[in-house]
C-alpha atoms as a PDB file:
ATOM      1  CA  MET A   1      -0.315   0.139  -0.228  1.00  0.00           C
ATOM      2  CA  GLN A   2       2.943   2.227   0.660  1.00  0.00           C
ATOM      3  CA  ALA A   3       3.901   2.111  -2.937  1.00  0.00           C
ATOM      4  CA  PHE A   4       0.605   2.726  -3.972  1.00  0.00           C
ATOM      5  CA  LEU A   5       0.664   5.920  -1.839  1.00  0.00           C
ATOM      6  CA  ASP A   6       4.451   7.142  -2.502  1.00  0.00           C
ATOM      7  CA  LYS A   7       3.769   9.061  -5.756  1.00  0.00           C
ATOM      8  CA  GLY A   8       5.096  12.584  -4.665  1.00  0.00           C
ATOM      9  CA  ARG A   9       2.665  15.551  -4.864  1.00  0.00           C
ATOM     10  CA  MET A  10      -0.041  13.125  -6.000  1.00  0.00           C
ATOM     11  CA  ASN A  11       0.054  11.452  -2.618  1.00  0.00           C
ATOM     12  CA  SER A  12      -2.951  13.603  -1.064  1.00  0.00           C
ATOM     13  CA  LEU A  13      -5.308  12.663  -4.112  1.00  0.00           C
ATOM     14  CA  LEU A  14      -4.222   8.980  -3.625  1.00  0.00           C
ATOM     15  CA  LYS A  15      -4.943   8.884   0.046  1.00  0.00           C
ATOM     16  CA  GLN A  16      -8.405   9.741  -0.641  1.00  0.00           C
ATOM     17  CA  MET A  17      -9.162   6.738  -3.333  1.00  0.00           C
ATOM     18  CA  PRO A  18     -10.463   3.742  -1.944  1.00  0.00           C
ATOM     19  CA  VAL A  19      -8.595   0.839  -2.745  1.00  0.00           C
ATOM     20  CA  HIS A  20     -10.338  -2.690  -3.435  1.00  0.00           C
ATOM     21  CA  ILE A  21      -8.594  -5.880  -3.407  1.00  0.00           C
ATOM     22  CA  VAL A  22     -10.240  -8.647  -6.096  1.00  0.00           C
ATOM     23  CA  LEU A  23      -9.686 -12.285  -4.583  1.00  0.00           C
ATOM     24  CA  ASN A  24     -11.708 -14.459  -7.172  1.00  0.00           C
ATOM     25  CA  ARG A  25      -9.308 -15.200  -9.756  1.00  0.00           C
ATOM     26  CA  LYS A  26     -11.825 -15.565 -12.533  1.00  0.00           C
ATOM     27  CA  VAL A  27     -13.270 -11.964 -12.330  1.00  0.00           C
ATOM     28  CA  GLY A  28     -12.236 -10.826 -15.755  1.00  0.00           C
ATOM     29  CA  LEU A  29     -13.585 -13.790 -17.260  1.00  0.00           C
ATOM     30  CA  ILE A  30     -16.755 -13.034 -15.090  1.00  0.00           C
ATOM     31  CA  GLY A  31     -16.488  -9.316 -16.772  1.00  0.00           C
ATOM     32  CA  ALA A  32     -16.046 -10.660 -20.148  1.00  0.00           C
ATOM     33  CA  ALA A  33     -18.953 -12.731 -19.792  1.00  0.00           C
ATOM     34  CA  LEU A  34     -21.228 -10.282 -18.617  1.00  0.00           C
ATOM     35  CA  CYS A  35     -20.067  -7.667 -21.500  1.00  0.00           C
ATOM     36  CA  ALA A  36     -21.065 -10.604 -24.077  1.00  0.00           C
ATOM     37  CA  ASP A  37     -24.220 -11.223 -22.640  1.00  0.00           C
ATOM     38  CA  GLN A  38     -25.335  -7.679 -22.928  1.00  0.00           C
ATOM     39  CA  LEU A  39     -23.809  -7.076 -26.669  1.00  0.00           C
ATOM     40  CA  THR A  40     -25.675 -10.312 -27.608  1.00  0.00           C
ATOM     41  CA  PHE A  41     -29.026  -9.774 -25.960  1.00  0.00           C
ATOM     42  CA  SER A  42     -29.326  -5.834 -26.170  1.00  0.00           C
END
């Protein structure tokens, strides 16, 4: 987390950003499937 915040003048902005950790290894596939579903059925 410290490496994320160590950005010089952007530090104060980055401290305000929420950071979320994604633990599901298939999150990219799930997102692609949802996107494909929306394209197919819309």
